[in-house]
């Protein structure tokens, strides 16, 4: 019987180090926007605006990321927890992550680097504070009173469960008309409320934003989102947060008419395959598993919510997390989002901040994880871009934890998550003959590779030894001159 092992007991430290080392990035040419198909999103969770701008120029653009998803930019309640940004008190672009001017500069800088900007937009609710207060930028508020914006008549008051909170997710009315953990629930069927929300989104569009992640979309009817979308000043990319729940009446599929939808099952199932079951089962991963259509799905190994709620792989899982991201970026299902987070020891812990709770500049140490810079993750973005549109071919598995497949004529990935090395075998890549950089272990730049080189022969085969919990990846965009 093939049994899963205790990963921490046998994971080779040398392998782990090679997977997690930050990739090197060559200085980009002045004002040159990267070219090619680029749809990988990176979520720079709780990064401040100057740090996002710098990252677009120095890392995201050169490594081929197409979009950066930034945390909610509007004025929020005071404190130091991560969820402050999800309790807005006004639509002013002023938060602990920076000023309106800094936000505008960030958007312009990212665009100059060829990176589009997606804003995490909180439009389902306002704050969840029962006592009146003053927001980050000085706006006064109470639970159902936001001067100049909303008053009590602009919110749902469902009259259920004592405090109006959602208790039964099998009741559509309750999920969309009661309060999510005491957050004042906006009456999104009201044209007045829709117009206020659209005005906020249009303000962001005027600043150059390219799209929105609509937080808590499940708690708004799809028709309400469609009506708000209809008030936007121009087209924008939309992805909606709709968490799948087995047997629940509200499902992610009913939102695809508005735009993309998060496929939350993806990360949980991927973790299950790595932790408890078999990578061999991934042979038809995607729509065959009951997921959303690929063209409507946005997928991720983890995000800011799921990494706190368990049942997914996170930065704490080291090499397994890196390999799961490699698979996601190589596999042609959905639009992938890479998580970039900070270390936390408690669920509510906020980002590295100063004494006034203002978010510190990201340095990729001192608490910031910067998973998107890990060599295997950053370099597999290039693999994803180089293999766009190519079908899966030449699938191989050993029935357990060793898999391999090509993206026909464009790239090849093999993952060995067994407890011992795979040696003495060859792989049919189906790639043109030549020498290729193994982008799992080396950086490709200017026709040369900083790591191992894989030679594909005239018949499309190559030989390689794959250590335990490791991988090899090659693609036509990293072929040596």
Protein backbone atom coordinates (compact mmCIF):
# COMPACT_ATOMS: atom_id res chain seq x y z
CA UNK A 1 0.00 0.00 0.00
CA UNK A 2 1.44 3.36 -1.05
CA UNK A 3 1.43 5.56 2.08
CA UNK A 4 2.01 9.31 2.27
CA UNK A 5 4.93 10.28 4.42
CA UNK A 6 5.64 12.92 7.01
CA UNK A 7 7.05 15.53 4.65
CA UNK A 8 8.88 17.55 7.30
CA UNK A 9 10.85 14.51 8.41
CA UNK A 10 12.35 13.69 5.04
CA UNK A 11 12.40 16.90 3.03
CA UNK A 12 15.96 17.50 1.86
CA UNK A 13 17.11 20.94 2.95
CA UNK A 14 19.19 21.37 -0.19
CA UNK A 15 16.18 20.77 -2.41
CA UNK A 16 14.07 23.16 -0.37
CA UNK A 17 16.69 25.88 -0.60
CA UNK A 18 16.98 25.50 -4.37
CA UNK A 19 13.22 25.85 -4.82
CA UNK A 20 12.71 28.83 -2.54
CA UNK A 21 15.69 31.01 -3.47
CA UNK A 22 14.57 34.37 -4.89
CA UNK A 23 15.02 34.54 -8.63
CA UNK A 24 17.52 36.98 -10.04
CA UNK A 25 16.12 39.76 -12.17
CA UNK A 26 18.09 41.57 -14.83
CA UNK A 27 17.62 45.34 -15.02
CA UNK A 28 14.88 46.05 -17.58
CA UNK A 29 15.55 48.34 -20.52
CA UNK A 30 14.25 51.86 -20.00
CA UNK A 31 10.51 52.27 -20.72
CA UNK A 32 10.30 48.83 -22.38
CA UNK A 33 7.04 46.97 -21.68
CA UNK A 34 7.34 43.18 -21.71
CA UNK A 35 5.60 41.54 -24.65
CA UNK A 36 3.62 38.36 -25.19
CA UNK A 37 0.55 36.79 -23.61
CA UNK A 38 0.54 37.71 -19.94
CA UNK A 39 -2.43 36.77 -17.78
CA UNK A 40 -0.79 35.68 -14.52
CA UNK A 41 -2.01 37.76 -11.58
CA UNK A 42 0.05 38.31 -8.44
CA UNK A 43 -1.74 39.30 -5.25
CA UNK A 44 0.58 41.61 -3.33
CA UNK A 45 -1.43 41.31 -0.15
CA UNK A 46 -1.34 44.46 2.00
CA UNK A 47 1.68 45.94 0.22
CA UNK A 48 1.80 49.73 0.31
CA UNK A 49 1.67 51.72 -2.91
CA UNK A 50 5.35 52.75 -3.21
CA UNK A 51 6.36 49.11 -2.70
CA UNK A 52 3.92 47.88 -5.36
CA UNK A 53 5.26 50.46 -7.80
CA UNK A 54 8.85 49.40 -7.18
CA UNK A 55 7.95 45.73 -7.56
CA UNK A 56 6.23 46.34 -10.89
CA UNK A 57 9.38 47.94 -12.27
CA UNK A 58 12.00 45.62 -10.80
CA UNK A 59 10.30 42.21 -10.66
CA UNK A 60 6.75 41.87 -12.00
CA UNK A 61 7.32 43.41 -15.41
CA UNK A 62 10.64 41.67 -16.12
CA UNK A 63 9.40 38.28 -14.91
CA UNK A 64 6.26 38.39 -17.05
CA UNK A 65 3.45 38.93 -14.55
CA UNK A 66 0.48 40.47 -16.36
CA UNK A 67 -1.52 41.87 -13.46
CA UNK A 68 -0.98 42.96 -9.89
CA UNK A 69 -3.92 42.67 -7.51
CA UNK A 70 -3.68 45.28 -4.76
CA UNK A 71 -5.51 45.34 -1.44
CA UNK A 72 -8.55 47.61 -0.95
CA UNK A 73 -7.43 51.25 -1.27
CA UNK A 74 -10.37 53.08 0.32
CA UNK A 75 -10.52 54.62 3.80
CA UNK A 76 -11.10 52.00 6.48
CA UNK A 77 -11.52 51.64 10.24
CA UNK A 78 -8.50 52.07 12.51
CA UNK A 79 -6.43 49.30 14.08
CA UNK A 80 -3.75 46.84 13.03
CA UNK A 81 -5.55 43.67 11.90
CA UNK A 82 -5.41 42.49 8.28
CA UNK A 83 -9.18 42.77 7.83
CA UNK A 84 -9.28 46.54 8.44
CA UNK A 85 -9.21 47.15 4.70
CA UNK A 86 -12.38 45.09 4.35
CA UNK A 87 -14.27 47.47 6.65
CA UNK A 88 -14.55 50.69 4.61
CA UNK A 89 -15.94 53.90 6.07
CA UNK A 90 -15.74 56.05 2.92
CA UNK A 91 -14.68 55.82 -0.70
CA UNK A 92 -11.71 58.16 -0.31
CA UNK A 93 -8.49 56.69 -1.74
CA UNK A 94 -6.61 57.10 1.50
CA UNK A 95 -5.55 54.14 3.64
CA UNK A 96 -2.71 52.78 5.72
CA UNK A 97 -1.14 51.67 2.41
CA UNK A 98 -0.81 55.23 1.10
CA UNK A 99 -2.36 58.38 -0.26
CA UNK A 100 -4.36 58.98 -3.41
CA UNK A 101 -1.30 60.56 -5.06
CA UNK A 102 0.82 57.52 -4.19
CA UNK A 103 -1.88 55.22 -5.55
CA UNK A 104 -2.01 57.16 -8.83
CA UNK A 105 1.78 57.06 -9.11
CA UNK A 106 1.73 53.31 -8.48
CA UNK A 107 -0.78 52.69 -11.28
CA UNK A 108 1.25 54.79 -13.72
CA UNK A 109 4.50 53.05 -12.75
CA UNK A 110 3.01 49.57 -13.12
CA UNK A 111 1.58 50.44 -16.53
CA UNK A 112 5.00 51.67 -17.64
CA UNK A 113 6.36 48.24 -16.67
CA UNK A 114 3.65 46.45 -18.68
CA UNK A 115 1.69 45.37 -15.61
CA UNK A 116 -2.05 46.01 -15.26
CA UNK A 117 -3.66 46.82 -11.91
CA UNK A 118 -6.60 45.02 -10.31
CA UNK A 119 -8.17 46.55 -7.19
CA UNK A 120 -9.73 44.42 -4.47
CA UNK A 121 -13.05 46.32 -4.24
CA UNK A 122 -15.27 46.07 -1.16
CA UNK A 123 -18.77 46.94 -2.38
CA UNK A 124 -21.05 44.53 -0.50
CA UNK A 125 -20.78 46.24 2.87
CA UNK A 126 -19.28 48.97 4.98
CA UNK A 127 -17.88 48.56 8.52
CA UNK A 128 -18.79 46.04 11.19
CA UNK A 129 -18.22 48.32 14.18
CA UNK A 130 -21.11 48.73 16.61
CA UNK A 131 -19.70 51.92 18.18
CA UNK A 132 -19.13 55.17 16.24
CA UNK A 133 -15.57 55.99 15.22
CA UNK A 134 -13.22 57.91 12.97
CA UNK A 135 -11.68 56.29 9.90
CA UNK A 136 -8.06 56.29 8.79
CA UNK A 137 -8.40 59.60 6.91
CA UNK A 138 -10.58 61.31 9.50
CA UNK A 139 -14.09 60.48 8.29
CA UNK A 140 -16.64 59.96 11.04
CA UNK A 141 -18.96 56.97 10.87
CA UNK A 142 -21.26 54.67 12.77
CA UNK A 143 -22.54 51.22 11.86
CA UNK A 144 -25.32 52.50 9.58
CA UNK A 145 -24.35 56.14 9.08
CA UNK A 146 -21.57 57.28 6.73
CA UNK A 147 -22.08 61.05 6.33
CA UNK A 148 -22.52 62.12 2.73
CA UNK A 149 -22.69 58.53 1.50
CA UNK A 150 -25.07 56.15 3.27
CA UNK A 151 -27.61 56.18 6.08
CA UNK A 152 -29.68 53.42 7.70
CA UNK A 153 -32.17 53.17 4.82
CA UNK A 154 -29.32 52.19 2.47
CA UNK A 155 -28.62 48.95 4.32
CA UNK A 156 -30.35 45.62 4.71
CA UNK A 157 -31.89 44.93 8.10
CA UNK A 158 -33.05 41.34 7.67
CA UNK A 159 -34.36 40.90 11.19
CA UNK A 160 -33.06 37.37 11.63
CA UNK A 161 -30.89 35.57 14.16
CA UNK A 162 -31.02 38.35 16.73
CA UNK A 163 -28.22 40.50 15.37
CA UNK A 164 -29.05 40.31 11.64
CA UNK A 165 -26.10 38.00 10.98
CA UNK A 166 -26.12 35.17 8.44
CA UNK A 167 -26.60 31.82 10.13
CA UNK A 168 -27.92 29.54 7.38
CA UNK A 169 -25.98 29.34 4.11
CA UNK A 170 -28.70 27.15 2.67
CA UNK A 171 -31.06 30.14 2.73
CA UNK A 172 -30.42 32.35 -0.32
CA UNK A 173 -32.33 35.29 1.14
CA UNK A 174 -30.32 35.22 4.35
CA UNK A 175 -26.95 34.98 2.59
CA UNK A 176 -27.73 38.00 0.40
CA UNK A 177 -29.79 40.17 2.78
CA UNK A 178 -28.32 39.55 6.23
CA UNK A 179 -24.94 40.61 7.57
CA UNK A 180 -21.67 38.79 7.04
CA UNK A 181 -20.06 38.80 10.52
CA UNK A 182 -21.83 42.03 11.52
CA UNK A 183 -20.66 44.00 8.45
CA UNK A 184 -23.33 46.56 7.53
CA UNK A 185 -24.85 45.04 4.39
CA UNK A 186 -25.51 47.47 1.55
CA UNK A 187 -28.86 47.41 -0.21
CA UNK A 188 -27.39 46.73 -3.63
CA UNK A 189 -30.84 46.46 -5.22
CA UNK A 190 -31.18 50.23 -4.61
CA UNK A 191 -30.29 52.42 -7.58
CA UNK A 192 -28.92 55.03 -5.19
CA UNK A 193 -26.54 52.49 -3.63
CA UNK A 194 -25.57 51.12 -7.04
CA UNK A 195 -24.76 54.64 -8.22
CA UNK A 196 -22.56 55.32 -5.17
CA UNK A 197 -20.68 52.07 -5.67
CA UNK A 198 -20.26 52.75 -9.40
CA UNK A 199 -18.98 56.25 -8.64
CA UNK A 200 -16.24 54.72 -6.46
CA UNK A 201 -15.29 52.19 -9.13
CA UNK A 202 -15.35 54.89 -11.82
CA UNK A 203 -13.05 57.03 -9.70
CA UNK A 204 -10.58 54.14 -9.68
CA UNK A 205 -11.00 53.67 -13.42
CA UNK A 206 -10.21 57.37 -13.88
CA UNK A 207 -6.97 56.73 -12.01
CA UNK A 208 -6.12 54.08 -14.59
CA UNK A 209 -7.15 50.88 -12.82
CA UNK A 210 -7.70 47.94 -15.20
CA UNK A 211 -10.01 45.69 -13.22
CA UNK A 212 -11.61 44.71 -9.95
CA UNK A 213 -11.77 41.74 -7.64
CA UNK A 214 -15.26 42.06 -6.17
CA UNK A 215 -15.07 40.98 -2.54
CA UNK A 216 -17.98 39.01 -1.02
CA UNK A 217 -19.77 38.69 -4.38
CA UNK A 218 -21.73 35.70 -3.11
CA UNK A 219 -23.53 38.06 -0.75
CA UNK A 220 -24.90 40.13 -3.64
CA UNK A 221 -27.27 38.78 -6.29
CA UNK A 222 -25.54 38.38 -9.66
CA UNK A 223 -28.13 40.76 -11.16
CA UNK A 224 -27.09 43.51 -8.71
CA UNK A 225 -23.47 43.15 -9.78
CA UNK A 226 -24.55 43.25 -13.42
CA UNK A 227 -26.44 46.49 -12.78
CA UNK A 228 -23.40 48.07 -11.11
CA UNK A 229 -21.19 46.87 -13.96
CA UNK A 230 -23.58 48.58 -16.36
CA UNK A 231 -22.84 51.94 -14.70
CA UNK A 232 -19.07 51.72 -15.23
CA UNK A 233 -17.51 54.39 -17.41
CA UNK A 234 -15.50 51.87 -19.45
CA UNK A 235 -14.85 48.16 -19.67
CA UNK A 236 -12.81 46.55 -16.92
CA UNK A 237 -11.72 43.06 -15.96
CA UNK A 238 -13.95 41.59 -13.21
CA UNK A 239 -13.34 38.58 -10.99
CA UNK A 240 -15.92 37.76 -8.33
CA UNK A 241 -15.36 36.11 -4.96
CA UNK A 242 -17.96 33.35 -4.76
CA UNK A 243 -16.99 30.53 -2.41
CA UNK A 244 -18.39 27.15 -3.43
CA UNK A 245 -20.39 25.31 -0.78
CA UNK A 246 -21.67 21.79 -1.47
CA UNK A 247 -25.45 21.77 -1.66
CA UNK A 248 -25.81 25.51 -1.17
CA UNK A 249 -28.35 27.33 -3.35
CA UNK A 250 -25.88 30.03 -4.41
CA UNK A 251 -23.13 28.70 -6.65
CA UNK A 252 -20.23 30.29 -8.54
CA UNK A 253 -21.70 29.32 -11.90
CA UNK A 254 -24.51 31.88 -11.69
CA UNK A 255 -21.98 34.75 -11.68
CA UNK A 256 -20.03 33.92 -14.85
CA UNK A 257 -22.19 36.25 -16.94
CA UNK A 258 -20.57 39.21 -15.16
CA UNK A 259 -16.96 38.09 -15.53
CA UNK A 260 -14.51 35.60 -14.04
CA UNK A 261 -15.14 33.84 -10.73
CA UNK A 262 -12.74 32.45 -8.13
CA UNK A 263 -12.63 28.65 -8.18
CA UNK A 264 -12.04 27.92 -4.49
CA UNK A 265 -12.16 24.14 -4.92
CA UNK A 266 -8.93 24.25 -6.95
CA UNK A 267 -6.54 25.08 -4.11
CA UNK A 268 -8.19 22.71 -1.64
CA UNK A 269 -8.11 19.79 -4.05
CA UNK A 270 -4.52 20.53 -5.06
CA UNK A 271 -3.49 20.47 -1.39
CA UNK A 272 -5.33 17.18 -0.93
CA UNK A 273 -3.43 15.61 -3.82
CA UNK A 274 -0.06 16.74 -2.49
CA UNK A 275 -0.74 15.96 1.16
CA UNK A 276 -2.89 12.85 1.23
CA UNK A 277 -3.64 11.40 -2.19
CA UNK A 278 -1.86 11.07 -5.55
CA UNK A 279 -0.55 13.59 -8.07
CA UNK A 280 -1.41 10.96 -10.70
CA UNK A 281 -5.07 11.93 -10.20
CA UNK A 282 -4.33 15.38 -11.65
CA UNK A 283 -4.35 14.01 -15.19
CA UNK A 284 -7.74 15.66 -15.92
CA UNK A 285 -7.65 18.41 -13.30
CA UNK A 286 -10.17 21.15 -14.00
CA UNK A 287 -13.61 21.04 -15.58
CA UNK A 288 -13.76 17.24 -15.32
CA UNK A 289 -13.69 17.69 -11.55
CA UNK A 290 -16.91 19.70 -11.67
CA UNK A 291 -15.18 23.07 -11.69
CA UNK A 292 -16.22 26.20 -13.55
CA UNK A 293 -15.45 26.43 -17.28
CA UNK A 294 -11.76 27.21 -17.71
CA UNK A 295 -12.45 30.49 -19.47
CA UNK A 296 -14.42 31.78 -16.47
CA UNK A 297 -12.22 30.55 -13.62
CA UNK A 298 -9.53 32.33 -11.67
CA UNK A 299 -7.45 29.83 -9.68
CA UNK A 300 -4.90 29.96 -6.88
CA UNK A 301 -3.02 27.67 -4.52
CA UNK A 302 -3.93 30.01 -1.64
CA UNK A 303 -5.15 33.54 -1.03
CA UNK A 304 -5.37 35.82 2.00
CA UNK A 305 -8.50 34.10 3.31
CA UNK A 306 -7.74 30.46 2.60
CA UNK A 307 -4.21 30.58 3.99
CA UNK A 308 -5.78 31.51 7.34
CA UNK A 309 -8.60 29.00 7.18
CA UNK A 310 -6.62 25.82 6.53
CA UNK A 311 -6.99 22.94 4.03
CA UNK A 312 -4.65 24.58 1.51
CA UNK A 313 -0.90 24.74 0.96
CA UNK A 314 0.82 27.95 2.07
CA UNK A 315 4.33 29.36 2.36
CA UNK A 316 4.71 27.25 5.52
CA UNK A 317 4.69 24.10 3.36
CA UNK A 318 7.93 25.08 1.64
CA UNK A 319 8.80 22.88 -1.33
CA UNK A 320 5.30 21.37 -1.61
CA UNK A 321 3.87 24.88 -1.95
CA UNK A 322 6.45 25.80 -4.57
CA UNK A 323 5.73 22.64 -6.57
CA UNK A 324 1.96 23.23 -6.37
CA UNK A 325 2.48 26.70 -7.82
CA UNK A 326 4.69 25.21 -10.54
CA UNK A 327 1.90 22.82 -11.47
CA UNK A 328 -0.70 25.61 -11.49
CA UNK A 329 1.44 27.77 -13.78
CA UNK A 330 2.09 24.87 -16.15
CA UNK A 331 -1.43 23.43 -16.27
CA UNK A 332 -3.92 24.99 -18.73
CA UNK A 333 -6.96 25.55 -16.53
CA UNK A 334 -8.20 28.98 -15.49
CA UNK A 335 -6.31 32.23 -15.01
CA UNK A 336 -3.69 31.71 -12.27
CA UNK A 337 -3.12 34.03 -9.32
CA UNK A 338 0.11 33.81 -7.30
CA UNK A 339 -0.07 34.77 -3.63
CA UNK A 340 2.52 37.05 -2.02
CA UNK A 341 2.01 37.43 1.68
CA UNK A 342 3.63 38.09 5.03
CA UNK A 343 4.39 35.82 7.97
CA UNK A 344 1.63 35.61 10.57
CA UNK A 345 1.32 33.71 13.85
CA UNK A 346 -2.32 34.54 14.59
CA UNK A 347 -5.31 34.74 12.26
CA UNK A 348 -5.93 38.47 12.72
CA UNK A 349 -2.30 39.63 12.50
CA UNK A 350 -1.81 42.59 10.20
CA UNK A 351 1.14 43.36 7.91
CA UNK A 352 4.48 44.75 9.14
CA UNK A 353 3.60 48.28 10.30
CA UNK A 354 4.97 51.24 12.21
CA UNK A 355 3.78 52.47 15.59
CA UNK A 356 0.86 54.29 13.93
CA UNK A 357 -0.22 51.13 12.05
CA UNK A 358 0.94 52.49 8.70
CA UNK A 359 2.13 49.65 6.47
CA UNK A 360 5.90 49.50 6.14
CA UNK A 361 7.71 49.29 2.82
CA UNK A 362 8.11 45.70 1.64
CA UNK A 363 11.67 44.44 1.83
CA UNK A 364 11.09 40.68 1.29
CA UNK A 365 12.47 40.01 4.73
CA UNK A 366 11.43 41.18 8.21
CA UNK A 367 8.10 39.42 7.94
CA UNK A 368 7.36 39.64 4.20
CA UNK A 369 7.31 36.25 2.43
CA UNK A 370 7.39 37.41 -1.23
CA UNK A 371 6.47 33.96 -2.54
CA UNK A 372 6.12 35.43 -6.04
CA UNK A 373 9.89 35.95 -6.08
CA UNK A 374 10.75 32.35 -5.23
CA UNK A 375 12.73 31.05 -8.19
CA UNK A 376 10.38 28.21 -9.04
CA UNK A 377 7.32 30.48 -8.90
CA UNK A 378 8.77 33.50 -10.70
CA UNK A 379 10.38 31.42 -13.44
CA UNK A 380 7.26 29.33 -14.03
CA UNK A 381 5.44 32.55 -14.93
CA UNK A 382 7.70 32.62 -17.98
CA UNK A 383 6.81 28.96 -18.64
CA UNK A 384 3.12 29.85 -18.47
CA UNK A 385 3.54 32.73 -20.91
CA UNK A 386 5.64 30.69 -23.34
CA UNK A 387 3.15 27.80 -23.46
CA UNK A 388 -0.10 29.76 -23.81
CA UNK A 389 -2.57 28.00 -26.07
CA UNK A 390 -0.66 24.70 -26.27
CA UNK A 391 -2.54 21.54 -25.32
CA UNK A 392 -1.42 19.03 -22.71
CA UNK A 393 0.40 16.10 -24.31
CA UNK A 394 2.70 13.23 -23.37
CA UNK A 395 1.25 12.73 -19.89
CA UNK A 396 3.20 10.30 -17.69
CA UNK A 397 2.65 9.15 -14.12
CA UNK A 398 3.88 6.27 -12.00
CA UNK A 399 0.47 5.86 -10.41
CA UNK A 400 1.47 7.83 -7.34
CA UNK A 401 3.49 11.00 -6.82
CA UNK A 402 5.62 11.28 -9.97
CA UNK A 403 4.00 13.03 -12.94
CA UNK A 404 5.16 14.64 -16.16
CA UNK A 405 3.52 16.30 -19.13
CA UNK A 406 4.27 18.61 -22.01
CA UNK A 407 2.51 21.65 -23.37
CA UNK A 408 2.64 20.45 -26.95
CA UNK A 409 5.80 21.71 -28.61
CA UNK A 410 6.25 24.55 -26.10
CA UNK A 411 7.27 23.24 -22.69
CA UNK A 412 7.67 20.27 -20.34
CA UNK A 413 7.31 19.80 -16.58
CA UNK A 414 8.03 16.77 -14.45
CA UNK A 415 7.36 16.71 -10.70
CA UNK A 416 8.67 14.07 -8.32
CA UNK A 417 6.90 14.32 -4.96
CA UNK A 418 7.98 10.84 -3.92
CA UNK A 419 10.16 10.31 -0.87
CA UNK A 420 13.16 9.26 -2.98
CA UNK A 421 14.87 10.35 -6.17
CA UNK A 422 13.78 9.18 -9.63
CA UNK A 423 16.92 8.16 -11.50
CA UNK A 424 17.96 6.51 -14.73
CA UNK A 425 14.98 7.42 -16.89
CA UNK A 426 14.30 9.56 -19.92
CA UNK A 427 11.33 11.79 -20.70
CA UNK A 428 9.66 12.51 -24.01
CA UNK A 429 9.30 16.28 -24.13
CA UNK A 430 8.33 16.61 -27.79
CA UNK A 431 10.30 19.85 -27.98
CA UNK A 432 12.71 20.94 -30.72
CA UNK A 433 16.21 19.60 -30.24
CA UNK A 434 18.47 21.88 -28.28
CA UNK A 435 19.75 22.96 -24.89
CA UNK A 436 17.24 24.36 -22.40
CA UNK A 437 17.51 26.07 -19.04
CA UNK A 438 15.90 24.12 -16.20
CA UNK A 439 13.93 27.07 -14.87
CA UNK A 440 13.10 25.30 -11.60
CA UNK A 441 16.75 25.58 -10.58
CA UNK A 442 18.21 28.33 -12.76
CA UNK A 443 17.44 31.76 -14.15
CA UNK A 444 17.44 32.30 -17.90
CA UNK A 445 18.67 35.62 -19.27
CA UNK A 446 20.37 36.79 -22.44
CA UNK A 447 20.67 33.30 -23.87
CA UNK A 448 22.35 31.73 -20.85
CA UNK A 449 21.27 29.83 -17.73
CA UNK A 450 22.47 30.18 -14.15
CA UNK A 451 21.51 26.58 -13.33
CA UNK A 452 21.32 23.10 -14.85
CA UNK A 453 20.96 22.74 -18.63
CA UNK A 454 18.74 20.04 -20.15
CA UNK A 455 19.58 18.68 -23.59
CA UNK A 456 16.68 17.52 -25.77
CA UNK A 457 17.82 15.16 -28.53
CA UNK A 458 16.72 15.06 -32.15
CA UNK A 459 13.82 12.75 -31.26
CA UNK A 460 12.49 15.02 -28.51
CA UNK A 461 13.81 13.05 -25.49
CA UNK A 462 15.96 14.09 -22.55
CA UNK A 463 17.46 12.27 -19.57
CA UNK A 464 17.33 13.63 -16.03
CA UNK A 465 17.50 12.54 -12.42
CA UNK A 466 14.77 14.13 -10.29
CA UNK A 467 15.47 14.37 -6.53
CA UNK A 468 12.70 13.74 -4.01
CA UNK A 469 10.19 16.60 -3.75
CA UNK A 470 11.66 18.37 -6.74
CA UNK A 471 10.99 19.07 -10.40
CA UNK A 472 12.45 19.95 -13.79
CA UNK A 473 10.85 22.42 -16.19
CA UNK A 474 11.94 23.55 -19.66
CA UNK A 475 10.28 25.70 -22.29
CA UNK A 476 10.96 27.26 -25.65
CA UNK A 477 11.30 30.73 -24.14
CA UNK A 478 14.37 29.56 -22.18
CA UNK A 479 16.27 27.79 -24.95
CA UNK A 480 19.98 28.51 -24.92
CA UNK A 481 21.57 30.24 -27.87
